[in-house]
Protein backbone atom coordinates (compact mmCIF):
# COMPACT_ATOMS: atom_id res chain seq x y z
CA MET A 1 181.45 141.48 179.07
CA PHE A 2 179.52 143.48 181.73
CA ASN A 3 176.36 145.05 180.07
CA ILE A 4 177.54 148.72 180.81
CA GLY A 5 175.63 150.70 178.05
CA PRO A 6 176.75 154.24 176.94
CA LEU A 7 174.83 156.49 179.10
CA GLU A 8 175.58 154.19 182.15
CA PHE A 9 179.70 154.60 181.57
CA VAL A 10 178.91 158.02 181.43
CA VAL A 11 177.92 158.32 184.55
CA LEU A 12 180.59 156.03 186.26
CA ALA A 13 182.51 158.15 184.43
CA ALA A 14 181.86 161.09 185.84
CA VAL A 15 181.28 159.62 189.22
CA ALA A 16 185.03 158.53 189.36
CA LEU A 17 186.26 162.12 188.64
CA ILE A 18 184.36 163.30 191.47
CA VAL A 19 185.11 160.53 193.60
CA PHE A 20 189.11 159.96 192.87
CA GLY A 21 190.02 163.49 191.21
CA PRO A 22 191.52 164.21 187.68
CA ASP A 23 194.90 163.01 188.87
CA ARG A 24 194.06 159.47 190.35
CA VAL A 25 191.48 158.17 187.12
CA PRO A 26 194.08 157.59 184.72
CA GLU A 27 196.35 155.29 187.67
CA LEU A 28 193.25 153.78 188.41
CA ALA A 29 192.07 152.75 184.88
CA ARG A 30 195.76 151.23 184.33
CA ASP A 31 195.69 149.56 187.77
CA ALA A 32 192.16 148.50 186.70
CA ALA A 33 193.33 146.79 183.46
CA ARG A 34 195.92 145.46 184.38
CA MET A 35 194.09 143.29 187.04
CA LEU A 36 191.31 142.28 184.11
CA ARG A 37 194.54 141.31 182.36
CA THR A 38 195.92 138.98 184.99
CA LEU A 39 192.38 137.25 186.10
CA ARG A 40 192.30 136.50 182.03
CA GLU A 41 195.46 135.18 182.21
CA MET A 42 195.05 132.88 185.44
CA ALA A 43 191.38 132.10 184.36
CA GLN A 44 193.32 130.63 180.75
CA GLY A 45 195.84 128.90 182.72
CA ALA A 46 193.37 127.00 184.93
CA ARG A 47 191.75 125.82 182.01
CA SER A 48 194.90 124.79 180.43
CA GLN A 49 195.98 122.64 183.49
CA LEU A 50 192.41 121.11 183.48
CA ASN A 51 192.89 120.31 179.77
CA SER A 52 195.98 118.31 180.54
CA GLU A 53 195.30 116.84 183.83
CA LEU A 54 192.08 115.38 182.40
CA GLY A 55 194.01 113.63 179.32
CA PRO A 56 193.50 112.94 175.90
CA GLU A 57 190.09 110.93 176.19
CA PHE A 58 188.41 114.53 177.75
CA ALA A 59 190.27 116.95 174.79
CA ASP A 60 186.89 117.80 173.38
CA PHE A 61 185.58 118.61 177.00
CA ASP A 62 184.14 122.03 176.67
CA LEU A 63 183.59 123.64 180.15
CA ALA A 64 180.72 126.00 179.19
CA SER A 65 178.84 122.55 179.47
CA LEU A 66 179.13 122.94 183.28
CA ASN A 67 177.02 126.14 182.89
CA PRO A 68 173.81 125.16 185.34
CA ARG A 69 171.50 126.70 182.52
CA THR A 70 173.41 123.99 179.55
CA ALA A 71 172.93 121.34 181.56
CA ILE A 72 169.09 122.04 182.42
CA LYS A 73 168.97 122.52 178.57
CA ASN A 74 170.62 119.53 177.35
CA ALA A 75 169.19 117.46 179.92
CA LEU A 76 165.69 118.76 179.26
CA LEU A 77 165.84 118.39 175.14
CA GLY A 78 168.70 116.16 174.91
CA ASP A 79 170.57 116.29 171.76
CA GLU A 80 168.01 118.39 169.99
CA ASP A 81 169.25 121.14 167.25
CA LEU A 82 169.09 123.99 170.12
CA SER A 83 169.35 126.72 167.64
CA SER A 84 165.59 126.21 166.52
CA PHE A 85 164.41 125.90 169.74
CA ASN A 86 161.86 129.10 170.53
CA PRO A 87 160.56 128.49 174.11
CA THR A 88 158.01 130.78 173.31
CA ALA A 89 156.23 129.92 170.50
CA SER A 90 156.69 126.31 172.12
CA ILE A 91 154.17 127.46 175.05
CA GLN A 92 151.94 129.57 173.22
CA ARG A 93 151.48 126.15 171.08
CA ALA A 94 150.61 124.21 174.56
CA LEU A 95 148.56 127.02 175.47
CA ARG A 96 146.16 126.62 172.13
CA GLY A 97 146.37 123.06 172.42
CA GLU A 98 148.16 122.32 169.35
CA ASP A 99 150.67 120.42 171.03
CA ASP A 100 147.73 117.60 173.05
CA PRO A 101 148.06 114.59 172.38
CA ALA A 102 145.27 112.65 171.02
CA PRO A 103 142.38 112.33 173.87
CA VAL A 104 142.05 108.95 175.85
CA ASP A 105 138.50 107.17 176.07
CA LEU A 106 138.38 106.14 179.64
CA SER A 107 135.16 104.38 179.36
CA LYS A 108 136.83 101.65 177.81
CA PRO A 109 139.49 99.77 179.46
CA ALA A 110 143.13 99.35 178.80
CA ALA A 111 144.68 96.32 176.88
CA GLY A 112 145.02 93.98 180.10
CA ARG A 113 143.15 96.02 182.90
CA ARG A 114 140.13 95.90 184.33
CA PRO A 115 137.70 98.33 184.01
CA ALA A 116 137.71 100.56 187.11
CA GLY A 117 135.27 100.77 189.44
CA ASP A 118 133.37 98.67 192.35
CA VAL A 119 133.53 95.44 190.45
CA PRO A 120 134.48 92.34 192.93
CA LEU A 121 137.64 89.85 192.48
CA THR A 122 136.50 86.39 191.25
CA PRO A 123 138.04 83.35 193.50
CA GLY A 124 141.78 83.32 192.87
CA GLU A 125 142.03 86.46 190.63
CA ARG A 126 145.17 88.75 191.69
CA PRO A 127 143.99 92.17 193.31
CA PRO A 128 145.76 94.85 190.08
CA ILE A 129 148.65 96.34 190.56
CA ASP A 130 149.52 100.32 190.44
CA PRO A 131 152.63 100.39 189.02
CA ASP A 132 153.53 104.02 189.31
CA ALA A 133 152.37 103.89 192.82
CA THR A 134 154.60 101.24 193.95
């Protein structure tokens, strides 16, 4: 939960013994455990109250989906299976050029477009419009 390793826990316990003394450490540990239990109960109560307020149409609503990382993953990847997604492998494939689309021949005009360059318009011809620029 707090990502504390065994060595870090021993150092924290030693510092607590030095700062608070051996008489007060058990009392502080009980108070900390009671506070954590109270916080968990409050979070569970807020979660259950939110579910009851939202009603049955949001019964399958997951609060974890409100996590910014999860929201960004869902926005970028959509409904893809995230269990097989490996960002490192995707970046390596992109760097090697394996994910590149087929090259586009720019010497040929696209269908329905004029060739690029300084070709004058014929009388009555409308100028080309760049849909990305408008």
